[in-house]
């Protein structure tokens, strides 16, 4: 079981209730063990981070990046997060919101290949 910051629970719950359109589209493809029978969780707290989607069996995190992730500050924060998760043996896949809307099939193929 991974450690998590319990203080983030209300924020995690709020993010689940207010998912972006891109998150909703991908969640429709991941939920109910649709990919190889693997369970995914959304807005999962891992340590001090809330990740968009997490598959514990594959130790896989999927992050959807909107515009804020492309600023220098956003890139730095993402790098710190990815490095911290990698040290736990967790693989992080990042997709832009645009990729989700324009190439959901390709996104699912990349995820499938990491399960």
PDB file of N, CA and C in Angstrom:
ATOM      1  N   UNK A   1       0.840  -1.179   0.000  1.00  0.00           N
ATOM      2  CA  UNK A   1       0.000   0.000   0.000  1.00  0.00           C
ATOM      3  C   UNK A   1       0.887   1.246   0.000  1.00  0.00           C
ATOM      4  N   UNK A   2       0.535   2.201  -0.816  1.00  0.00           N
ATOM      5  CA  UNK A   2       1.310   3.431  -0.910  1.00  0.00           C
ATOM      6  C   UNK A   2       0.880   4.424   0.159  1.00  0.00           C
ATOM      7  N   UNK A   3       1.866   5.157   0.671  1.00  0.00           N
ATOM      8  CA  UNK A   3       1.556   6.217   1.626  1.00  0.00           C
ATOM      9  C   UNK A   3       0.828   7.351   0.914  1.00  0.00           C
ATOM     10  N   UNK A   4       0.006   8.071   1.673  1.00  0.00           N
ATOM     11  CA  UNK A   4      -0.652   9.237   1.089  1.00  0.00           C
ATOM     12  C   UNK A   4      -0.928  10.272   2.166  1.00  0.00           C
ATOM     13  N   UNK A   5      -1.000  11.504   1.721  1.00  0.00           N
ATOM     14  CA  UNK A   5      -1.268  12.629   2.609  1.00  0.00           C
ATOM     15  C   UNK A   5      -2.780  12.748   2.798  1.00  0.00           C
ATOM     16  N   UNK A   6      -3.258  12.376   3.969  1.00  0.00           N
ATOM     17  CA  UNK A   6      -4.701  12.358   4.250  1.00  0.00           C
ATOM     18  C   UNK A   6      -5.346  13.741   4.129  1.00  0.00           C
ATOM     19  N   UNK A   7      -4.541  14.783   4.267  1.00  0.00           N
ATOM     20  CA  UNK A   7      -5.083  16.142   4.150  1.00  0.00           C
ATOM     21  C   UNK A   7      -5.550  16.450   2.728  1.00  0.00           C
ATOM     22  N   UNK A   8      -5.108  15.659   1.751  1.00  0.00           N
ATOM     23  CA  UNK A   8      -5.492  15.885   0.358  1.00  0.00           C
ATOM     24  C   UNK A   8      -6.811  15.219  -0.018  1.00  0.00           C
ATOM     25  N   UNK A   9      -7.382  14.446   0.905  1.00  0.00           N
ATOM     26  CA  UNK A   9      -8.597  13.699   0.581  1.00  0.00           C
ATOM     27  C   UNK A   9      -9.757  14.584   0.118  1.00  0.00           C
ATOM     28  N   UNK A  10     -10.069  15.685   0.804  1.00  0.00           N
ATOM     29  CA  UNK A  10     -11.170  16.529   0.311  1.00  0.00           C
ATOM     30  C   UNK A  10     -10.916  17.085  -1.105  1.00  0.00           C
ATOM     31  N   UNK A  11      -9.681  17.472  -1.377  1.00  0.00           N
ATOM     32  CA  UNK A  11      -9.355  17.974  -2.717  1.00  0.00           C
ATOM     33  C   UNK A  11      -9.497  16.864  -3.748  1.00  0.00           C
ATOM     34  N   UNK A  12      -9.025  15.676  -3.426  1.00  0.00           N
ATOM     35  CA  UNK A  12      -9.151  14.535  -4.331  1.00  0.00           C
ATOM     36  C   UNK A  12     -10.617  14.246  -4.646  1.00  0.00           C
ATOM     37  N   UNK A  13     -11.455  14.269  -3.639  1.00  0.00           N
ATOM     38  CA  UNK A  13     -12.891  14.029  -3.835  1.00  0.00           C
ATOM     39  C   UNK A  13     -13.512  15.110  -4.715  1.00  0.00           C
ATOM     40  N   UNK A  14     -13.107  16.347  -4.496  1.00  0.00           N
ATOM     41  CA  UNK A  14     -13.619  17.450  -5.311  1.00  0.00           C
ATOM     42  C   UNK A  14     -13.194  17.301  -6.765  1.00  0.00           C
ATOM     43  N   UNK A  15     -11.949  16.906  -6.984  1.00  0.00           N
ATOM     44  CA  UNK A  15     -11.462  16.710  -8.358  1.00  0.00           C
ATOM     45  C   UNK A  15     -12.208  15.578  -9.060  1.00  0.00           C
ATOM     46  N   UNK A  16     -12.566  14.526  -8.320  1.00  0.00           N
ATOM     47  CA  UNK A  16     -13.339  13.428  -8.910  1.00  0.00           C
ATOM     48  C   UNK A  16     -14.716  13.905  -9.348  1.00  0.00           C
ATOM     49  N   UNK A  17     -15.312  14.785  -8.551  1.00  0.00           N
ATOM     50  CA  UNK A  17     -16.650  15.290  -8.866  1.00  0.00           C
ATOM     51  C   UNK A  17     -16.630  16.306 -10.008  1.00  0.00           C
ATOM     52  N   UNK A  18     -15.479  16.922 -10.254  1.00  0.00           N
ATOM     53  CA  UNK A  18     -15.370  17.995 -11.248  1.00  0.00           C
ATOM     54  C   UNK A  18     -14.299  17.696 -12.288  1.00  0.00           C
ATOM     55  N   UNK A  19     -14.345  16.511 -12.855  1.00  0.00           N
ATOM     56  CA  UNK A  19     -13.331  16.126 -13.842  1.00  0.00           C
ATOM     57  C   UNK A  19     -13.479  16.950 -15.120  1.00  0.00           C
ATOM     58  N   UNK A  20     -12.359  17.140 -15.803  1.00  0.00           N
ATOM     59  CA  UNK A  20     -12.380  17.852 -17.079  1.00  0.00           C
ATOM     60  C   UNK A  20     -13.015  16.974 -18.149  1.00  0.00           C
ATOM     61  N   UNK A  21     -13.343  17.566 -19.284  1.00  0.00           N
ATOM     62  CA  UNK A  21     -13.915  16.789 -20.392  1.00  0.00           C
ATOM     63  C   UNK A  21     -12.950  15.697 -20.851  1.00  0.00           C
ATOM     64  N   UNK A  22     -11.665  16.016 -20.917  1.00  0.00           N
ATOM     65  CA  UNK A  22     -10.661  15.034 -21.335  1.00  0.00           C
ATOM     66  C   UNK A  22     -10.590  13.880 -20.327  1.00  0.00           C
ATOM     67  N   UNK A  23     -10.609  14.204 -19.041  1.00  0.00           N
ATOM     68  CA  UNK A  23     -10.579  13.166 -18.007  1.00  0.00           C
ATOM     69  C   UNK A  23     -11.813  12.279 -18.095  1.00  0.00           C
ATOM     70  N   UNK A  24     -12.976  12.882 -18.315  1.00  0.00           N
ATOM     71  CA  UNK A  24     -14.212  12.100 -18.447  1.00  0.00           C
ATOM     72  C   UNK A  24     -14.153  11.154 -19.631  1.00  0.00           C
ATOM     73  N   UNK A  25     -13.621  11.619 -20.753  1.00  0.00           N
ATOM     74  CA  UNK A  25     -13.526  10.771 -21.938  1.00  0.00           C
ATOM     75  C   UNK A  25     -12.610   9.586 -21.683  1.00  0.00           C
ATOM     76  N   UNK A  26     -11.434   9.830 -21.117  1.00  0.00           N
ATOM     77  CA  UNK A  26     -10.516   8.727 -20.841  1.00  0.00           C
ATOM     78  C   UNK A  26     -11.077   7.802 -19.767  1.00  0.00           C
ATOM     79  N   UNK A  27     -11.688   8.358 -18.738  1.00  0.00           N
ATOM     80  CA  UNK A  27     -12.258   7.541 -17.670  1.00  0.00           C
ATOM     81  C   UNK A  27     -13.308   6.575 -18.217  1.00  0.00           C
ATOM     82  N   UNK A  28     -14.071   7.012 -19.208  1.00  0.00           N
ATOM     83  CA  UNK A  28     -15.084   6.143 -19.819  1.00  0.00           C
ATOM     84  C   UNK A  28     -14.442   4.910 -20.458  1.00  0.00           C
ATOM     85  N   UNK A  29     -13.184   5.017 -20.847  1.00  0.00           N
ATOM     86  CA  UNK A  29     -12.468   3.902 -21.482  1.00  0.00           C
ATOM     87  C   UNK A  29     -11.693   3.047 -20.471  1.00  0.00           C
ATOM     88  N   UNK A  30     -11.389   3.610 -19.293  1.00  0.00           N
ATOM     89  CA  UNK A  30     -10.574   2.902 -18.296  1.00  0.00           C
ATOM     90  C   UNK A  30     -11.400   2.212 -17.214  1.00  0.00           C
ATOM     91  N   UNK A  31     -12.557   2.786 -16.905  1.00  0.00           N
ATOM     92  CA  UNK A  31     -13.336   2.285 -15.774  1.00  0.00           C
ATOM     93  C   UNK A  31     -13.856   0.876 -16.019  1.00  0.00           C
ATOM     94  N   UNK A  32     -14.231   0.229 -14.947  1.00  0.00           N
ATOM     95  CA  UNK A  32     -14.817  -1.118 -14.984  1.00  0.00           C
ATOM     96  C   UNK A  32     -13.906  -2.150 -15.642  1.00  0.00           C
ATOM     97  N   UNK A  33     -12.601  -1.988 -15.433  1.00  0.00           N
ATOM     98  CA  UNK A  33     -11.599  -2.972 -15.874  1.00  0.00           C
ATOM     99  C   UNK A  33     -11.682  -3.282 -17.369  1.00  0.00           C
ATOM    100  N   UNK A  34     -11.903  -2.253 -18.186  1.00  0.00           N
ATOM    101  CA  UNK A  34     -12.059  -2.450 -19.620  1.00  0.00           C
ATOM    102  C   UNK A  34     -10.752  -2.781 -20.344  1.00  0.00           C
ATOM    103  N   UNK A  35      -9.610  -2.393 -19.773  1.00  0.00           N
ATOM    104  CA  UNK A  35      -8.321  -2.665 -20.412  1.00  0.00           C
ATOM    105  C   UNK A  35      -7.634  -3.832 -19.723  1.00  0.00           C
ATOM    106  N   UNK A  36      -7.627  -4.973 -20.373  1.00  0.00           N
ATOM    107  CA  UNK A  36      -6.957  -6.180 -19.872  1.00  0.00           C
ATOM    108  C   UNK A  36      -7.429  -6.603 -18.483  1.00  0.00           C
ATOM    109  N   UNK A  37      -8.572  -6.127 -18.050  1.00  0.00           N
ATOM    110  CA  UNK A  37      -9.077  -6.466 -16.730  1.00  0.00           C
ATOM    111  C   UNK A  37      -8.384  -5.734 -15.598  1.00  0.00           C
ATOM    112  N   UNK A  38      -7.647  -4.671 -15.905  1.00  0.00           N
ATOM    113  CA  UNK A  38      -6.910  -3.909 -14.900  1.00  0.00           C
ATOM    114  C   UNK A  38      -7.806  -2.842 -14.274  1.00  0.00           C
ATOM    115  N   UNK A  39      -7.725  -2.720 -12.956  1.00  0.00           N
ATOM    116  CA  UNK A  39      -8.483  -1.722 -12.203  1.00  0.00           C
ATOM    117  C   UNK A  39      -7.735  -0.386 -12.213  1.00  0.00           C
ATOM    118  N   UNK A  40      -8.435   0.682 -12.533  1.00  0.00           N
ATOM    119  CA  UNK A  40      -7.888   2.038 -12.465  1.00  0.00           C
ATOM    120  C   UNK A  40      -8.672   2.835 -11.438  1.00  0.00           C
ATOM    121  N   UNK A  41      -7.988   3.769 -10.800  1.00  0.00           N
ATOM    122  CA  UNK A  41      -8.605   4.703  -9.873  1.00  0.00           C
ATOM    123  C   UNK A  41      -8.372   6.102 -10.397  1.00  0.00           C
ATOM    124  N   UNK A  42      -9.312   7.005 -10.142  1.00  0.00           N
ATOM    125  CA  UNK A  42      -9.159   8.385 -10.613  1.00  0.00           C
ATOM    126  C   UNK A  42      -8.904   9.308  -9.437  1.00  0.00           C
ATOM    127  N   UNK A  43      -8.118  10.331  -9.701  1.00  0.00           N
ATOM    128  CA  UNK A  43      -7.760  11.325  -8.696  1.00  0.00           C
ATOM    129  C   UNK A  43      -7.263  10.644  -7.417  1.00  0.00           C
ATOM    130  N   UNK A  44      -6.290   9.770  -7.606  1.00  0.00           N
ATOM    131  CA  UNK A  44      -5.715   8.966  -6.520  1.00  0.00           C
ATOM    132  C   UNK A  44      -4.588   9.729  -5.829  1.00  0.00           C
ATOM    133  N   UNK A  45      -4.592   9.698  -4.511  1.00  0.00           N
ATOM    134  CA  UNK A  45      -3.522  10.338  -3.737  1.00  0.00           C
ATOM    135  C   UNK A  45      -2.382   9.341  -3.572  1.00  0.00           C
ATOM    136  N   UNK A  46      -1.201   9.756  -3.995  1.00  0.00           N
ATOM    137  CA  UNK A  46       0.023   8.981  -3.789  1.00  0.00           C
ATOM    138  C   UNK A  46       1.028   9.936  -3.163  1.00  0.00           C
ATOM    139  N   UNK A  47       1.437   9.613  -1.948  1.00  0.00           N
ATOM    140  CA  UNK A  47       2.299  10.484  -1.162  1.00  0.00           C
ATOM    141  C   UNK A  47       1.662  11.866  -1.047  1.00  0.00           C
ATOM    142  N   UNK A  48       2.322  12.900  -1.606  1.00  0.00           N
ATOM    143  CA  UNK A  48       1.798  14.261  -1.508  1.00  0.00           C
ATOM    144  C   UNK A  48       1.215  14.753  -2.835  1.00  0.00           C
ATOM    145  N   UNK A  49       0.953  13.804  -3.733  1.00  0.00           N
ATOM    146  CA  UNK A  49       0.444  14.142  -5.062  1.00  0.00           C
ATOM    147  C   UNK A  49      -0.947  13.544  -5.272  1.00  0.00           C
ATOM    148  N   UNK A  50      -1.720  14.214  -6.098  1.00  0.00           N
ATOM    149  CA  UNK A  50      -2.976  13.636  -6.585  1.00  0.00           C
ATOM    150  C   UNK A  50      -2.763  13.385  -8.068  1.00  0.00           C
ATOM    151  N   UNK A  51      -2.799  12.110  -8.453  1.00  0.00           N
ATOM    152  CA  UNK A  51      -2.583  11.753  -9.860  1.00  0.00           C
ATOM    153  C   UNK A  51      -3.939  11.579 -10.537  1.00  0.00           C
ATOM    154  N   UNK A  52      -3.985  11.817 -11.839  1.00  0.00           N
ATOM    155  CA  UNK A  52      -5.262  11.739 -12.553  1.00  0.00           C
ATOM    156  C   UNK A  52      -5.827  10.313 -12.535  1.00  0.00           C
ATOM    157  N   UNK A  53      -5.000   9.329 -12.927  1.00  0.00           N
ATOM    158  CA  UNK A  53      -5.440   7.931 -12.953  1.00  0.00           C
ATOM    159  C   UNK A  53      -4.301   7.053 -12.464  1.00  0.00           C
ATOM    160  N   UNK A  54      -4.641   5.984 -11.729  1.00  0.00           N
ATOM    161  CA  UNK A  54      -3.626   5.085 -11.201  1.00  0.00           C
ATOM    162  C   UNK A  54      -4.095   3.648 -11.312  1.00  0.00           C
ATOM    163  N   UNK A  55      -3.206   2.790 -11.810  1.00  0.00           N
ATOM    164  CA  UNK A  55      -3.441   1.355 -11.882  1.00  0.00           C
ATOM    165  C   UNK A  55      -2.408   0.674 -10.988  1.00  0.00           C
ATOM    166  N   UNK A  56      -2.815   0.226  -9.791  1.00  0.00           N
ATOM    167  CA  UNK A  56      -1.846  -0.359  -8.862  1.00  0.00           C
ATOM    168  C   UNK A  56      -1.192  -1.641  -9.378  1.00  0.00           C
ATOM    169  N   UNK A  57      -1.943  -2.484 -10.059  1.00  0.00           N
ATOM    170  CA  UNK A  57      -1.402  -3.758 -10.541  1.00  0.00           C
ATOM    171  C   UNK A  57      -0.239  -3.532 -11.508  1.00  0.00           C
ATOM    172  N   UNK A  58      -0.348  -2.513 -12.355  1.00  0.00           N
ATOM    173  CA  UNK A  58       0.700  -2.209 -13.335  1.00  0.00           C
ATOM    174  C   UNK A  58       1.674  -1.144 -12.828  1.00  0.00           C
ATOM    175  N   UNK A  59       1.393  -0.582 -11.642  1.00  0.00           N
ATOM    176  CA  UNK A  59       2.186   0.535 -11.103  1.00  0.00           C
ATOM    177  C   UNK A  59       2.320   1.626 -12.166  1.00  0.00           C
ATOM    178  N   UNK A  60       1.158   2.029 -12.677  1.00  0.00           N
ATOM    179  CA  UNK A  60       1.078   2.973 -13.786  1.00  0.00           C
ATOM    180  C   UNK A  60       0.211   4.170 -13.412  1.00  0.00           C
ATOM    181  N   UNK A  61       0.757   5.359 -13.636  1.00  0.00           N
ATOM    182  CA  UNK A  61       0.028   6.612 -13.469  1.00  0.00           C
ATOM    183  C   UNK A  61      -0.191   7.207 -14.850  1.00  0.00           C
ATOM    184  N   UNK A  62      -1.379   7.718 -15.085  1.00  0.00           N
ATOM    185  CA  UNK A  62      -1.688   8.428 -16.326  1.00  0.00           C
ATOM    186  C   UNK A  62      -2.057   9.851 -15.950  1.00  0.00           C
ATOM    187  N   UNK A  63      -1.360  10.788 -16.553  1.00  0.00           N
ATOM    188  CA  UNK A  63      -1.597  12.206 -16.305  1.00  0.00           C
ATOM    189  C   UNK A  63      -2.072  12.867 -17.585  1.00  0.00           C
ATOM    190  N   UNK A  64      -3.103  13.681 -17.489  1.00  0.00           N
ATOM    191  CA  UNK A  64      -3.589  14.465 -18.613  1.00  0.00           C
ATOM    192  C   UNK A  64      -3.175  15.903 -18.384  1.00  0.00           C
ATOM    193  N   UNK A  65      -2.501  16.451 -19.361  1.00  0.00           N
ATOM    194  CA  UNK A  65      -1.917  17.781 -19.221  1.00  0.00           C
ATOM    195  C   UNK A  65      -2.681  18.826 -20.009  1.00  0.00           C
ATOM    196  N   UNK A  66      -3.237  19.790 -19.273  1.00  0.00           N
ATOM    197  CA  UNK A  66      -3.831  20.974 -19.875  1.00  0.00           C
ATOM    198  C   UNK A  66      -2.767  22.045 -20.013  1.00  0.00           C
ATOM    199  N   UNK A  67      -3.166  23.233 -20.368  1.00  0.00           N
ATOM    200  CA  UNK A  67      -2.241  24.325 -20.656  1.00  0.00           C
ATOM    201  C   UNK A  67      -1.270  24.668 -19.553  1.00  0.00           C
ATOM    202  N   UNK A  68      -1.678  24.562 -18.271  1.00  0.00           N
ATOM    203  CA  UNK A  68      -0.814  24.952 -17.161  1.00  0.00           C
ATOM    204  C   UNK A  68       0.441  24.083 -17.076  1.00  0.00           C
ATOM    205  N   UNK A  69       0.420  22.901 -17.670  1.00  0.00           N
ATOM    206  CA  UNK A  69       1.566  21.995 -17.602  1.00  0.00           C
ATOM    207  C   UNK A  69       2.685  22.380 -18.565  1.00  0.00           C
ATOM    208  N   UNK A  70       2.431  23.319 -19.449  1.00  0.00           N
ATOM    209  CA  UNK A  70       3.433  23.673 -20.460  1.00  0.00           C
ATOM    210  C   UNK A  70       4.215  24.929 -20.109  1.00  0.00           C
ATOM    211  N   UNK A  71       3.904  25.548 -18.984  1.00  0.00           N
ATOM    212  CA  UNK A  71       4.707  26.684 -18.507  1.00  0.00           C
ATOM    213  C   UNK A  71       5.986  26.126 -17.888  1.00  0.00           C
ATOM    214  N   UNK A  72       6.973  26.970 -17.691  1.00  0.00           N
ATOM    215  CA  UNK A  72       8.223  26.513 -17.065  1.00  0.00           C
ATOM    216  C   UNK A  72       7.959  25.977 -15.661  1.00  0.00           C
ATOM    217  N   UNK A  73       7.130  26.679 -14.901  1.00  0.00           N
ATOM    218  CA  UNK A  73       6.793  26.234 -13.552  1.00  0.00           C
ATOM    219  C   UNK A  73       6.070  24.884 -13.590  1.00  0.00           C
ATOM    220  N   UNK A  74       5.134  24.743 -14.513  1.00  0.00           N
ATOM    221  CA  UNK A  74       4.395  23.486 -14.651  1.00  0.00           C
ATOM    222  C   UNK A  74       5.296  22.332 -15.030  1.00  0.00           C
ATOM    223  N   UNK A  75       6.215  22.569 -15.969  1.00  0.00           N
ATOM    224  CA  UNK A  75       7.153  21.522 -16.380  1.00  0.00           C
ATOM    225  C   UNK A  75       8.041  21.093 -15.215  1.00  0.00           C
ATOM    226  N   UNK A  76       8.484  22.058 -14.416  1.00  0.00           N
ATOM    227  CA  UNK A  76       9.344  21.752 -13.276  1.00  0.00           C
ATOM    228  C   UNK A  76       8.579  20.917 -12.235  1.00  0.00           C
ATOM    229  N   UNK A  77       7.358  21.323 -11.931  1.00  0.00           N
ATOM    230  CA  UNK A  77       6.552  20.572 -10.958  1.00  0.00           C
ATOM    231  C   UNK A  77       6.273  19.151 -11.457  1.00  0.00           C
ATOM    232  N   UNK A  78       5.972  19.015 -12.749  1.00  0.00           N
ATOM    233  CA  UNK A  78       5.719  17.689 -13.318  1.00  0.00           C
ATOM    234  C   UNK A  78       6.966  16.815 -13.239  1.00  0.00           C
ATOM    235  N   UNK A  79       8.123  17.401 -13.491  1.00  0.00           N
ATOM    236  CA  UNK A  79       9.380  16.663 -13.431  1.00  0.00           C
ATOM    237  C   UNK A  79       9.652  16.154 -12.013  1.00  0.00           C
ATOM    238  N   UNK A  80       9.425  17.001 -11.024  1.00  0.00           N
ATOM    239  CA  UNK A  80       9.616  16.609  -9.624  1.00  0.00           C
ATOM    240  C   UNK A  80       8.662  15.467  -9.263  1.00  0.00           C
ATOM    241  N   UNK A  81       7.421  15.602  -9.669  1.00  0.00           N
ATOM    242  CA  UNK A  81       6.404  14.571  -9.399  1.00  0.00           C
ATOM    243  C   UNK A  81       6.782  13.256 -10.078  1.00  0.00           C
ATOM    244  N   UNK A  82       7.137  13.329 -11.356  1.00  0.00           N
ATOM    245  CA  UNK A  82       7.486  12.112 -12.100  1.00  0.00           C
ATOM    246  C   UNK A  82       8.698  11.414 -11.489  1.00  0.00           C
ATOM    247  N   UNK A  83       9.707  12.180 -11.093  1.00  0.00           N
ATOM    248  CA  UNK A  83      10.906  11.604 -10.476  1.00  0.00           C
ATOM    249  C   UNK A  83      10.567  10.925  -9.150  1.00  0.00           C
ATOM    250  N   UNK A  84       9.737  11.565  -8.347  1.00  0.00           N
ATOM    251  CA  UNK A  84       9.345  11.004  -7.059  1.00  0.00           C
ATOM    252  C   UNK A  84       8.579   9.695  -7.248  1.00  0.00           C
ATOM    253  N   UNK A  85       7.665   9.669  -8.210  1.00  0.00           N
ATOM    254  CA  UNK A  85       6.901   8.453  -8.473  1.00  0.00           C
ATOM    255  C   UNK A  85       7.790   7.354  -9.049  1.00  0.00           C
ATOM    256  N   UNK A  86       8.732   7.721  -9.909  1.00  0.00           N
ATOM    257  CA  UNK A  86       9.659   6.742 -10.491  1.00  0.00           C
ATOM    258  C   UNK A  86      10.477   6.057  -9.400  1.00  0.00           C
ATOM    259  N   UNK A  87      10.849   6.797  -8.377  1.00  0.00           N
ATOM    260  CA  UNK A  87      11.601   6.208  -7.261  1.00  0.00           C
ATOM    261  C   UNK A  87      10.784   5.157  -6.516  1.00  0.00           C
ATOM    262  N   UNK A  88       9.474   5.232  -6.637  1.00  0.00           N
ATOM    263  CA  UNK A  88       8.573   4.230  -6.043  1.00  0.00           C
ATOM    264  C   UNK A  88       8.295   3.081  -7.013  1.00  0.00           C
ATOM    265  N   UNK A  89       8.926   3.126  -8.195  1.00  0.00           N
ATOM    266  CA  UNK A  89       8.710   2.082  -9.191  1.00  0.00           C
ATOM    267  C   UNK A  89       7.460   2.281 -10.016  1.00  0.00           C
ATOM    268  N   UNK A  90       6.943   3.503 -10.039  1.00  0.00           N
ATOM    269  CA  UNK A  90       5.712   3.808 -10.766  1.00  0.00           C
ATOM    270  C   UNK A  90       6.054   4.492 -12.082  1.00  0.00           C
ATOM    271  N   UNK A  91       5.491   3.982 -13.164  1.00  0.00           N
ATOM    272  CA  UNK A  91       5.653   4.576 -14.492  1.00  0.00           C
ATOM    273  C   UNK A  91       4.593   5.648 -14.684  1.00  0.00           C
ATOM    274  N   UNK A  92       4.993   6.781 -15.255  1.00  0.00           N
ATOM    275  CA  UNK A  92       4.056   7.871 -15.520  1.00  0.00           C
ATOM    276  C   UNK A  92       3.937   8.063 -17.029  1.00  0.00           C
ATOM    277  N   UNK A  93       2.722   7.991 -17.538  1.00  0.00           N
ATOM    278  CA  UNK A  93       2.438   8.322 -18.939  1.00  0.00           C
ATOM    279  C   UNK A  93       1.713   9.655 -18.943  1.00  0.00           C
ATOM    280  N   UNK A  94       2.169  10.569 -19.800  1.00  0.00           N
ATOM    281  CA  UNK A  94       1.541  11.887 -19.905  1.00  0.00           C
ATOM    282  C   UNK A  94       0.943  12.049 -21.298  1.00  0.00           C
ATOM    283  N   UNK A  95      -0.261  12.590 -21.320  1.00  0.00           N
ATOM    284  CA  UNK A  95      -0.946  12.885 -22.573  1.00  0.00           C
ATOM    285  C   UNK A  95      -1.524  14.287 -22.485  1.00  0.00           C
ATOM    286  N   UNK A  96      -1.521  14.987 -23.597  1.00  0.00           N
ATOM    287  CA  UNK A  96      -2.165  16.295 -23.624  1.00  0.00           C
ATOM    288  C   UNK A  96      -3.674  16.092 -23.761  1.00  0.00           C
ATOM    289  N   UNK A  97      -4.421  17.078 -23.314  1.00  0.00           N
ATOM    290  CA  UNK A  97      -5.870  17.022 -23.504  1.00  0.00           C
ATOM    291  C   UNK A  97      -6.199  16.872 -24.987  1.00  0.00           C
ATOM    292  N   UNK A  98      -5.431  17.553 -25.827  1.00  0.00           N
ATOM    293  CA  UNK A  98      -5.646  17.493 -27.278  1.00  0.00           C
ATOM    294  C   UNK A  98      -5.505  16.057 -27.794  1.00  0.00           C
ATOM    295  N   UNK A  99      -4.504  15.328 -27.295  1.00  0.00           N
ATOM    296  CA  UNK A  99      -4.325  13.927 -27.702  1.00  0.00           C
ATOM    297  C   UNK A  99      -5.551  13.090 -27.354  1.00  0.00           C
ATOM    298  N   UNK A 100      -6.118  13.345 -26.190  1.00  0.00           N
ATOM    299  CA  UNK A 100      -7.292  12.577 -25.752  1.00  0.00           C
ATOM    300  C   UNK A 100      -8.445  12.784 -26.729  1.00  0.00           C
ATOM    301  N   UNK A 101      -8.671  14.032 -27.134  1.00  0.00           N
ATOM    302  CA  UNK A 101      -9.790  14.327 -28.025  1.00  0.00           C
ATOM    303  C   UNK A 101      -9.531  13.908 -29.470  1.00  0.00           C
ATOM    304  N   UNK A 102      -8.291  14.012 -29.918  1.00  0.00           N
ATOM    305  CA  UNK A 102      -7.992  13.773 -31.336  1.00  0.00           C
ATOM    306  C   UNK A 102      -7.476  12.376 -31.642  1.00  0.00           C
ATOM    307  N   UNK A 103      -6.981  11.651 -30.620  1.00  0.00           N
ATOM    308  CA  UNK A 103      -6.374  10.349 -30.894  1.00  0.00           C
ATOM    309  C   UNK A 103      -6.567   9.404 -29.708  1.00  0.00           C
ATOM    310  N   UNK A 104      -7.787   9.234 -29.254  1.00  0.00           N
ATOM    311  CA  UNK A 104      -8.050   8.385 -28.091  1.00  0.00           C
ATOM    312  C   UNK A 104      -7.591   6.947 -28.349  1.00  0.00           C
ATOM    313  N   UNK A 105      -7.700   6.486 -29.585  1.00  0.00           N
ATOM    314  CA  UNK A 105      -7.251   5.130 -29.920  1.00  0.00           C
ATOM    315  C   UNK A 105      -5.754   4.961 -29.704  1.00  0.00           C
ATOM    316  N   UNK A 106      -4.977   5.939 -30.148  1.00  0.00           N
ATOM    317  CA  UNK A 106      -3.534   5.898 -29.952  1.00  0.00           C
ATOM    318  C   UNK A 106      -3.158   5.974 -28.482  1.00  0.00           C
ATOM    319  N   UNK A 107      -3.875   6.786 -27.724  1.00  0.00           N
ATOM    320  CA  UNK A 107      -3.642   6.898 -26.285  1.00  0.00           C
ATOM    321  C   UNK A 107      -3.893   5.549 -25.614  1.00  0.00           C
ATOM    322  N   UNK A 108      -4.999   4.917 -25.960  1.00  0.00           N
ATOM    323  CA  UNK A 108      -5.331   3.619 -25.359  1.00  0.00           C
ATOM    324  C   UNK A 108      -4.304   2.551 -25.733  1.00  0.00           C
ATOM    325  N   UNK A 109      -3.770   2.607 -26.953  1.00  0.00           N
ATOM    326  CA  UNK A 109      -2.723   1.660 -27.361  1.00  0.00           C
ATOM    327  C   UNK A 109      -1.472   1.824 -26.503  1.00  0.00           C
ATOM    328  N   UNK A 110      -1.079   3.070 -26.233  1.00  0.00           N
ATOM    329  CA  UNK A 110       0.100   3.310 -25.376  1.00  0.00           C
ATOM    330  C   UNK A 110      -0.142   2.806 -23.963  1.00  0.00           C
ATOM    331  N   UNK A 111      -1.328   3.047 -23.451  1.00  0.00           N
ATOM    332  CA  UNK A 111      -1.656   2.560 -22.105  1.00  0.00           C
ATOM    333  C   UNK A 111      -1.630   1.030 -22.098  1.00  0.00           C
ATOM    334  N   UNK A 112      -2.279   0.429 -23.074  1.00  0.00           N
ATOM    335  CA  UNK A 112      -2.344  -1.036 -23.206  1.00  0.00           C
ATOM    336  C   UNK A 112      -0.925  -1.616 -23.192  1.00  0.00           C
ATOM    337  N   UNK A 113      -0.009  -0.985 -23.917  1.00  0.00           N
ATOM    338  CA  UNK A 113       1.368  -1.463 -23.995  1.00  0.00           C
ATOM    339  C   UNK A 113       2.128  -1.362 -22.682  1.00  0.00           C
ATOM    340  N   UNK A 114       1.622  -0.608 -21.739  1.00  0.00           N
ATOM    341  CA  UNK A 114       2.278  -0.457 -20.437  1.00  0.00           C
ATOM    342  C   UNK A 114       1.592  -1.258 -19.332  1.00  0.00           C
ATOM    343  N   UNK A 115       0.579  -2.028 -19.702  1.00  0.00           N
ATOM    344  CA  UNK A 115      -0.119  -2.854 -18.701  1.00  0.00           C
ATOM    345  C   UNK A 115       0.484  -4.249 -18.670  1.00  0.00           C
TER     346      UNK A 115
END
